[in-house]
């Protein structure tokens, strides 16, 4: 029971939180998908990358060429007791130059979801759809 309440709290917190990042002026992204758990098969990489690419391109963002600015879906897993839990992050990472001239790699967008696995296909699709929809809404608002 406590696990269920904790998962609901975490899901609600992540699902409805606005990100503190800005997506203004992003014209090109390089899509990356990585799965670091046995709960999710590596066969999902191609499916998720296709969905990610389609959603990003629908916003008018170029994904055809390599870019130093990457959009990544990272999937990991853990167990709470015997229950499998999947953690999905949607991130943008890019090389930036600070005012003092120092170049560094920075995460310039991040959003995530955590869910207990009941029906992997449905749960995974819903989570990724939600993260991409939140990204699209914020991108649209930031670029109006």
N, C-alpha and C. Protein backbone atom coordinates (compact mmCIF):
# COMPACT_ATOMS: atom_id res chain seq x y z
N UNK A 1 0.82 -1.19 0.00
CA UNK A 1 0.00 0.00 0.00
C UNK A 1 0.86 1.26 0.00
N UNK A 2 1.87 1.28 0.86
CA UNK A 2 2.77 2.43 0.92
C UNK A 2 3.49 2.61 -0.40
N UNK A 3 3.89 1.48 -1.02
CA UNK A 3 4.56 1.56 -2.33
C UNK A 3 3.65 2.22 -3.36
N UNK A 4 2.40 1.81 -3.37
CA UNK A 4 1.45 2.35 -4.34
C UNK A 4 1.27 3.86 -4.12
N UNK A 5 1.13 4.27 -2.88
CA UNK A 5 0.98 5.70 -2.58
C UNK A 5 2.23 6.46 -3.00
N UNK A 6 3.41 5.91 -2.72
CA UNK A 6 4.66 6.55 -3.12
C UNK A 6 4.76 6.69 -4.63
N UNK A 7 4.42 5.63 -5.35
CA UNK A 7 4.46 5.68 -6.82
C UNK A 7 3.45 6.69 -7.37
N UNK A 8 2.28 6.75 -6.80
CA UNK A 8 1.28 7.72 -7.25
C UNK A 8 1.79 9.14 -6.99
N UNK A 9 2.36 9.36 -5.83
CA UNK A 9 2.91 10.68 -5.51
C UNK A 9 4.02 11.06 -6.48
N UNK A 10 4.95 10.14 -6.72
CA UNK A 10 6.05 10.43 -7.65
C UNK A 10 5.53 10.68 -9.06
N UNK A 11 4.61 9.87 -9.52
CA UNK A 11 4.04 10.04 -10.86
C UNK A 11 3.35 11.39 -10.97
N UNK A 12 2.54 11.73 -9.98
CA UNK A 12 1.81 12.99 -10.03
C UNK A 12 2.77 14.17 -9.98
N UNK A 13 3.78 14.07 -9.17
CA UNK A 13 4.76 15.15 -9.07
C UNK A 13 5.45 15.37 -10.40
N UNK A 14 5.92 14.30 -11.03
CA UNK A 14 6.64 14.43 -12.29
C UNK A 14 5.71 14.73 -13.46
N UNK A 15 4.51 14.18 -13.44
CA UNK A 15 3.62 14.33 -14.59
C UNK A 15 3.08 15.75 -14.72
N UNK A 16 2.92 16.46 -13.62
CA UNK A 16 2.28 17.77 -13.70
C UNK A 16 3.22 18.93 -13.39
N UNK A 17 4.49 18.65 -13.16
CA UNK A 17 5.44 19.71 -12.86
C UNK A 17 5.85 20.40 -14.15
N UNK A 18 5.88 21.73 -14.12
CA UNK A 18 6.44 22.49 -15.23
C UNK A 18 7.95 22.45 -15.08
N UNK A 19 8.65 22.36 -16.20
CA UNK A 19 10.10 22.33 -16.12
C UNK A 19 10.64 23.75 -16.01
N UNK A 20 11.78 23.91 -15.38
CA UNK A 20 12.38 25.24 -15.25
C UNK A 20 13.25 25.61 -16.46
N UNK A 21 13.13 24.87 -17.52
CA UNK A 21 13.98 25.06 -18.70
C UNK A 21 13.24 25.84 -19.77
N UNK A 22 14.00 26.39 -20.72
CA UNK A 22 13.40 27.07 -21.85
C UNK A 22 13.78 26.34 -23.14
N UNK A 23 12.86 26.27 -24.05
CA UNK A 23 13.08 25.59 -25.33
C UNK A 23 13.09 26.58 -26.49
N UNK A 24 13.26 27.83 -26.20
CA UNK A 24 13.25 28.88 -27.21
C UNK A 24 14.41 28.71 -28.19
N UNK A 25 14.08 28.80 -29.48
CA UNK A 25 15.10 28.86 -30.52
C UNK A 25 15.76 27.55 -30.89
N UNK A 26 15.28 26.43 -30.41
CA UNK A 26 15.87 25.14 -30.78
C UNK A 26 15.41 24.79 -32.20
N UNK A 27 16.36 24.65 -33.10
CA UNK A 27 16.04 24.36 -34.50
C UNK A 27 16.51 22.98 -34.95
N UNK A 28 17.42 22.37 -34.18
CA UNK A 28 17.99 21.09 -34.58
C UNK A 28 18.33 20.27 -33.34
N UNK A 29 17.98 18.98 -33.38
CA UNK A 29 18.29 18.04 -32.30
C UNK A 29 18.69 16.70 -32.89
N UNK A 30 19.59 16.03 -32.21
CA UNK A 30 20.00 14.69 -32.61
C UNK A 30 19.35 13.70 -31.64
N UNK A 31 18.43 12.84 -32.11
CA UNK A 31 17.71 11.93 -31.22
C UNK A 31 18.54 10.70 -30.80
N UNK A 32 18.44 10.38 -29.51
CA UNK A 32 19.15 9.24 -28.93
C UNK A 32 18.19 8.51 -28.00
N UNK A 33 18.22 7.17 -28.04
CA UNK A 33 17.42 6.37 -27.12
C UNK A 33 18.33 5.31 -26.52
N UNK A 34 18.34 5.22 -25.20
CA UNK A 34 19.14 4.21 -24.50
C UNK A 34 18.28 3.52 -23.46
N UNK A 35 18.40 2.20 -23.41
CA UNK A 35 17.67 1.39 -22.43
C UNK A 35 18.69 0.68 -21.55
N UNK A 36 18.59 0.94 -20.24
CA UNK A 36 19.53 0.37 -19.28
C UNK A 36 18.80 -0.46 -18.23
N UNK A 37 17.96 -1.37 -18.69
CA UNK A 37 17.25 -2.25 -17.78
C UNK A 37 16.81 -3.50 -18.53
N UNK A 38 16.74 -4.60 -17.81
CA UNK A 38 16.23 -5.84 -18.40
C UNK A 38 14.71 -5.86 -18.47
N UNK A 39 14.05 -4.92 -17.81
CA UNK A 39 12.58 -4.87 -17.85
C UNK A 39 12.06 -4.46 -19.22
N UNK A 40 12.88 -3.73 -19.97
CA UNK A 40 12.48 -3.23 -21.29
C UNK A 40 13.46 -3.76 -22.33
N UNK A 41 12.95 -4.45 -23.32
CA UNK A 41 13.78 -5.05 -24.36
C UNK A 41 14.44 -3.98 -25.23
N UNK A 42 15.63 -4.29 -25.72
CA UNK A 42 16.35 -3.39 -26.62
C UNK A 42 15.60 -3.19 -27.94
N UNK A 43 14.65 -4.07 -28.24
CA UNK A 43 13.86 -3.90 -29.47
C UNK A 43 13.03 -2.63 -29.44
N UNK A 44 12.79 -2.08 -28.26
CA UNK A 44 12.03 -0.85 -28.14
C UNK A 44 12.82 0.38 -28.60
N UNK A 45 14.14 0.28 -28.69
CA UNK A 45 14.97 1.43 -29.06
C UNK A 45 14.50 2.03 -30.39
N UNK A 46 14.36 1.19 -31.40
CA UNK A 46 13.96 1.69 -32.73
C UNK A 46 12.55 2.28 -32.71
N UNK A 47 11.64 1.65 -32.00
CA UNK A 47 10.25 2.13 -31.93
C UNK A 47 10.19 3.49 -31.24
N UNK A 48 10.89 3.61 -30.12
CA UNK A 48 10.88 4.86 -29.37
C UNK A 48 11.59 5.96 -30.15
N UNK A 49 12.70 5.62 -30.80
CA UNK A 49 13.43 6.62 -31.58
C UNK A 49 12.58 7.15 -32.73
N UNK A 50 11.81 6.27 -33.37
CA UNK A 50 10.93 6.70 -34.45
C UNK A 50 9.87 7.66 -33.93
N UNK A 51 9.25 7.32 -32.80
CA UNK A 51 8.23 8.18 -32.21
C UNK A 51 8.82 9.52 -31.79
N UNK A 52 9.99 9.48 -31.16
CA UNK A 52 10.69 10.69 -30.73
C UNK A 52 10.98 11.59 -31.93
N UNK A 53 11.53 11.01 -32.98
CA UNK A 53 11.88 11.75 -34.18
C UNK A 53 10.64 12.37 -34.83
N UNK A 54 9.57 11.61 -34.94
CA UNK A 54 8.34 12.13 -35.55
C UNK A 54 7.77 13.31 -34.76
N UNK A 55 7.76 13.19 -33.45
CA UNK A 55 7.19 14.26 -32.61
C UNK A 55 8.05 15.51 -32.70
N UNK A 56 9.37 15.34 -32.69
CA UNK A 56 10.29 16.48 -32.76
C UNK A 56 10.17 17.16 -34.13
N UNK A 57 10.13 16.37 -35.19
CA UNK A 57 10.03 16.95 -36.53
C UNK A 57 8.68 17.64 -36.74
N UNK A 58 7.61 17.15 -36.12
CA UNK A 58 6.30 17.78 -36.23
C UNK A 58 6.32 19.19 -35.64
N UNK A 59 7.27 19.45 -34.76
CA UNK A 59 7.42 20.79 -34.18
C UNK A 59 8.26 21.71 -35.06
N UNK A 60 8.78 21.16 -36.17
CA UNK A 60 9.62 21.95 -37.07
C UNK A 60 11.09 21.90 -36.71
N UNK A 61 11.48 20.94 -35.89
CA UNK A 61 12.87 20.79 -35.47
C UNK A 61 13.53 19.75 -36.37
N UNK A 62 14.68 20.08 -36.93
CA UNK A 62 15.42 19.19 -37.81
C UNK A 62 16.10 18.09 -36.99
N UNK A 63 15.96 16.84 -37.42
CA UNK A 63 16.63 15.70 -36.77
C UNK A 63 17.48 14.91 -37.76
N UNK A 64 17.60 15.41 -38.99
CA UNK A 64 18.26 14.64 -40.05
C UNK A 64 19.78 14.59 -39.94
N UNK A 65 20.39 15.62 -39.40
CA UNK A 65 21.86 15.69 -39.34
C UNK A 65 22.34 15.53 -37.91
N UNK A 66 23.61 15.17 -37.76
CA UNK A 66 24.18 15.11 -36.43
C UNK A 66 24.24 16.53 -35.87
N UNK A 67 23.92 16.67 -34.60
CA UNK A 67 23.97 17.97 -33.94
C UNK A 67 24.62 17.79 -32.58
N UNK A 68 25.34 18.82 -32.13
CA UNK A 68 25.92 18.79 -30.79
C UNK A 68 24.83 18.87 -29.71
N UNK A 69 23.64 19.23 -30.13
CA UNK A 69 22.50 19.30 -29.21
C UNK A 69 21.68 18.02 -29.41
N UNK A 70 21.65 17.18 -28.38
CA UNK A 70 20.95 15.89 -28.46
C UNK A 70 19.71 15.89 -27.59
N UNK A 71 18.68 15.22 -28.09
CA UNK A 71 17.50 14.94 -27.29
C UNK A 71 17.55 13.44 -27.01
N UNK A 72 17.44 13.07 -25.75
CA UNK A 72 17.61 11.67 -25.38
C UNK A 72 16.45 11.16 -24.54
N UNK A 73 16.07 9.93 -24.82
CA UNK A 73 15.16 9.19 -23.96
C UNK A 73 16.01 8.11 -23.30
N UNK A 74 16.13 8.19 -21.98
CA UNK A 74 16.92 7.23 -21.22
C UNK A 74 15.98 6.43 -20.32
N UNK A 75 16.07 5.11 -20.42
CA UNK A 75 15.17 4.24 -19.66
C UNK A 75 15.99 3.35 -18.74
N UNK A 76 15.64 3.37 -17.47
CA UNK A 76 16.28 2.50 -16.49
C UNK A 76 15.19 1.83 -15.67
N UNK A 77 15.58 0.88 -14.86
CA UNK A 77 14.61 0.15 -14.06
C UNK A 77 15.13 -0.15 -12.68
N UNK A 78 14.21 -0.41 -11.78
CA UNK A 78 14.55 -0.82 -10.43
C UNK A 78 13.40 -1.64 -9.89
N UNK A 79 13.59 -2.19 -8.73
CA UNK A 79 12.52 -2.97 -8.10
C UNK A 79 12.19 -2.36 -6.76
N UNK A 80 10.91 -2.31 -6.47
CA UNK A 80 10.46 -1.97 -5.13
C UNK A 80 9.80 -3.25 -4.63
N UNK A 81 10.54 -3.93 -3.76
CA UNK A 81 10.12 -5.27 -3.36
C UNK A 81 10.26 -6.17 -4.57
N UNK A 82 9.19 -6.83 -4.96
CA UNK A 82 9.19 -7.69 -6.14
C UNK A 82 8.61 -6.99 -7.37
N UNK A 83 8.22 -5.75 -7.20
CA UNK A 83 7.53 -5.02 -8.28
C UNK A 83 8.52 -4.28 -9.16
N UNK A 84 8.48 -4.50 -10.48
CA UNK A 84 9.35 -3.75 -11.40
C UNK A 84 8.85 -2.32 -11.59
N UNK A 85 9.80 -1.39 -11.57
CA UNK A 85 9.50 0.02 -11.76
C UNK A 85 10.41 0.54 -12.87
N UNK A 86 9.85 1.30 -13.79
CA UNK A 86 10.62 1.86 -14.90
C UNK A 86 10.71 3.37 -14.72
N UNK A 87 11.91 3.88 -14.98
CA UNK A 87 12.19 5.32 -14.87
C UNK A 87 12.61 5.81 -16.25
N UNK A 88 11.86 6.77 -16.79
CA UNK A 88 12.14 7.31 -18.12
C UNK A 88 12.49 8.78 -17.99
N UNK A 89 13.58 9.18 -18.64
CA UNK A 89 13.99 10.59 -18.67
C UNK A 89 13.98 11.07 -20.11
N UNK A 90 13.48 12.26 -20.32
CA UNK A 90 13.58 12.95 -21.60
C UNK A 90 14.49 14.15 -21.35
N UNK A 91 15.64 14.18 -22.03
CA UNK A 91 16.66 15.19 -21.76
C UNK A 91 17.14 15.85 -23.04
N UNK A 92 17.58 17.09 -22.93
CA UNK A 92 18.36 17.73 -23.98
C UNK A 92 19.71 18.06 -23.36
N UNK A 93 20.77 17.63 -24.03
CA UNK A 93 22.12 17.94 -23.60
C UNK A 93 22.85 18.62 -24.74
N UNK A 94 23.66 19.60 -24.41
CA UNK A 94 24.37 20.31 -25.46
C UNK A 94 25.64 20.95 -24.93
N UNK A 95 26.55 21.23 -25.83
CA UNK A 95 27.76 21.98 -25.49
C UNK A 95 27.38 23.45 -25.41
N UNK A 96 27.80 24.09 -24.33
CA UNK A 96 27.53 25.51 -24.17
C UNK A 96 28.82 26.24 -23.85
N UNK A 97 28.81 27.52 -24.07
CA UNK A 97 29.96 28.36 -23.75
C UNK A 97 29.51 29.38 -22.71
N UNK A 98 30.18 29.34 -21.56
CA UNK A 98 29.84 30.26 -20.48
C UNK A 98 30.40 31.65 -20.78
N UNK A 99 29.96 32.63 -20.01
CA UNK A 99 30.41 34.00 -20.21
C UNK A 99 31.93 34.14 -20.10
N UNK A 100 32.55 33.29 -19.25
CA UNK A 100 34.00 33.38 -19.09
C UNK A 100 34.76 32.63 -20.18
N UNK A 101 34.01 32.10 -21.16
CA UNK A 101 34.64 31.43 -22.30
C UNK A 101 34.83 29.94 -22.11
N UNK A 102 34.54 29.39 -20.95
CA UNK A 102 34.69 27.96 -20.69
C UNK A 102 33.58 27.21 -21.40
N UNK A 103 33.98 26.19 -22.19
CA UNK A 103 33.00 25.34 -22.85
C UNK A 103 32.74 24.12 -22.00
N UNK A 104 31.46 23.72 -21.90
CA UNK A 104 31.08 22.58 -21.09
C UNK A 104 29.82 21.94 -21.67
N UNK A 105 29.53 20.75 -21.22
CA UNK A 105 28.31 20.05 -21.63
C UNK A 105 27.28 20.27 -20.54
N UNK A 106 26.06 20.60 -20.93
CA UNK A 106 25.02 20.90 -19.94
C UNK A 106 23.70 20.24 -20.34
N UNK A 107 22.93 19.88 -19.33
CA UNK A 107 21.56 19.44 -19.54
C UNK A 107 20.70 20.70 -19.57
N UNK A 108 20.08 20.97 -20.70
CA UNK A 108 19.32 22.20 -20.84
C UNK A 108 17.81 21.96 -20.85
N UNK A 109 17.40 20.70 -20.74
CA UNK A 109 16.00 20.35 -20.57
C UNK A 109 15.97 18.98 -19.91
N UNK A 110 15.04 18.80 -18.99
CA UNK A 110 14.87 17.49 -18.35
C UNK A 110 13.44 17.34 -17.87
N UNK A 111 12.90 16.17 -18.11
CA UNK A 111 11.59 15.80 -17.58
C UNK A 111 11.62 14.29 -17.42
N UNK A 112 10.85 13.75 -16.50
CA UNK A 112 10.93 12.32 -16.25
C UNK A 112 9.61 11.76 -15.75
N UNK A 113 9.55 10.44 -15.80
CA UNK A 113 8.38 9.72 -15.34
C UNK A 113 8.85 8.41 -14.70
N UNK A 114 8.16 8.01 -13.67
CA UNK A 114 8.43 6.74 -13.00
C UNK A 114 7.10 6.01 -12.88
N UNK A 115 7.10 4.71 -13.23
CA UNK A 115 5.85 3.97 -13.13
C UNK A 115 6.12 2.50 -12.82
N UNK A 116 5.17 1.91 -12.12
CA UNK A 116 5.19 0.48 -11.86
C UNK A 116 4.66 -0.23 -13.10
N UNK A 117 5.33 -1.29 -13.49
CA UNK A 117 4.97 -1.98 -14.73
C UNK A 117 3.82 -2.96 -14.47
N UNK A 118 2.72 -2.74 -15.20
CA UNK A 118 1.61 -3.68 -15.20
C UNK A 118 1.50 -4.33 -16.57
N UNK A 119 1.36 -3.50 -17.59
CA UNK A 119 1.36 -3.94 -18.99
C UNK A 119 2.42 -3.11 -19.69
N UNK A 120 3.57 -3.70 -19.91
CA UNK A 120 4.74 -2.96 -20.38
C UNK A 120 4.46 -2.11 -21.62
N UNK A 121 3.88 -2.71 -22.66
CA UNK A 121 3.62 -1.96 -23.89
C UNK A 121 2.78 -0.71 -23.62
N UNK A 122 1.67 -0.89 -22.95
CA UNK A 122 0.76 0.23 -22.69
C UNK A 122 1.41 1.26 -21.76
N UNK A 123 2.02 0.79 -20.68
CA UNK A 123 2.63 1.69 -19.71
C UNK A 123 3.76 2.51 -20.33
N UNK A 124 4.60 1.84 -21.10
CA UNK A 124 5.73 2.50 -21.75
C UNK A 124 5.25 3.52 -22.78
N UNK A 125 4.30 3.12 -23.62
CA UNK A 125 3.75 4.04 -24.62
C UNK A 125 3.11 5.26 -23.99
N UNK A 126 2.33 5.04 -22.95
CA UNK A 126 1.66 6.15 -22.29
C UNK A 126 2.67 7.11 -21.67
N UNK A 127 3.68 6.58 -21.02
CA UNK A 127 4.69 7.41 -20.39
C UNK A 127 5.44 8.26 -21.41
N UNK A 128 5.89 7.62 -22.48
CA UNK A 128 6.64 8.34 -23.51
C UNK A 128 5.75 9.36 -24.21
N UNK A 129 4.51 8.98 -24.50
CA UNK A 129 3.57 9.93 -25.11
C UNK A 129 3.37 11.15 -24.22
N UNK A 130 3.22 10.93 -22.91
CA UNK A 130 3.04 12.04 -21.98
C UNK A 130 4.26 12.96 -21.95
N UNK A 131 5.45 12.37 -21.87
CA UNK A 131 6.67 13.18 -21.85
C UNK A 131 6.83 13.98 -23.13
N UNK A 132 6.56 13.35 -24.27
CA UNK A 132 6.69 14.06 -25.55
C UNK A 132 5.61 15.13 -25.70
N UNK A 133 4.43 14.87 -25.21
CA UNK A 133 3.36 15.87 -25.28
C UNK A 133 3.71 17.08 -24.41
N UNK A 134 4.23 16.84 -23.21
CA UNK A 134 4.64 17.95 -22.35
C UNK A 134 5.76 18.76 -23.01
N UNK A 135 6.70 18.06 -23.64
CA UNK A 135 7.78 18.72 -24.36
C UNK A 135 7.21 19.59 -25.48
N UNK A 136 6.29 19.02 -26.27
CA UNK A 136 5.70 19.74 -27.40
C UNK A 136 4.93 20.97 -26.93
N UNK A 137 4.17 20.83 -25.86
CA UNK A 137 3.42 21.97 -25.32
C UNK A 137 4.36 23.08 -24.88
N UNK A 138 5.42 22.71 -24.16
CA UNK A 138 6.36 23.73 -23.69
C UNK A 138 7.10 24.36 -24.85
N UNK A 139 7.51 23.55 -25.84
CA UNK A 139 8.22 24.08 -27.01
C UNK A 139 7.34 25.07 -27.75
N UNK A 140 6.09 24.72 -27.94
CA UNK A 140 5.15 25.60 -28.63
C UNK A 140 4.97 26.91 -27.87
N UNK A 141 4.77 26.82 -26.57
CA UNK A 141 4.61 28.03 -25.74
C UNK A 141 5.88 28.90 -25.78
N UNK A 142 7.04 28.27 -25.65
CA UNK A 142 8.30 29.03 -25.60
C UNK A 142 8.65 29.66 -26.94
N UNK A 143 8.09 29.16 -28.04
CA UNK A 143 8.45 29.68 -29.36
C UNK A 143 7.32 30.43 -30.04
N UNK A 144 6.31 30.85 -29.31
CA UNK A 144 5.20 31.62 -29.89
C UNK A 144 5.63 33.02 -30.23
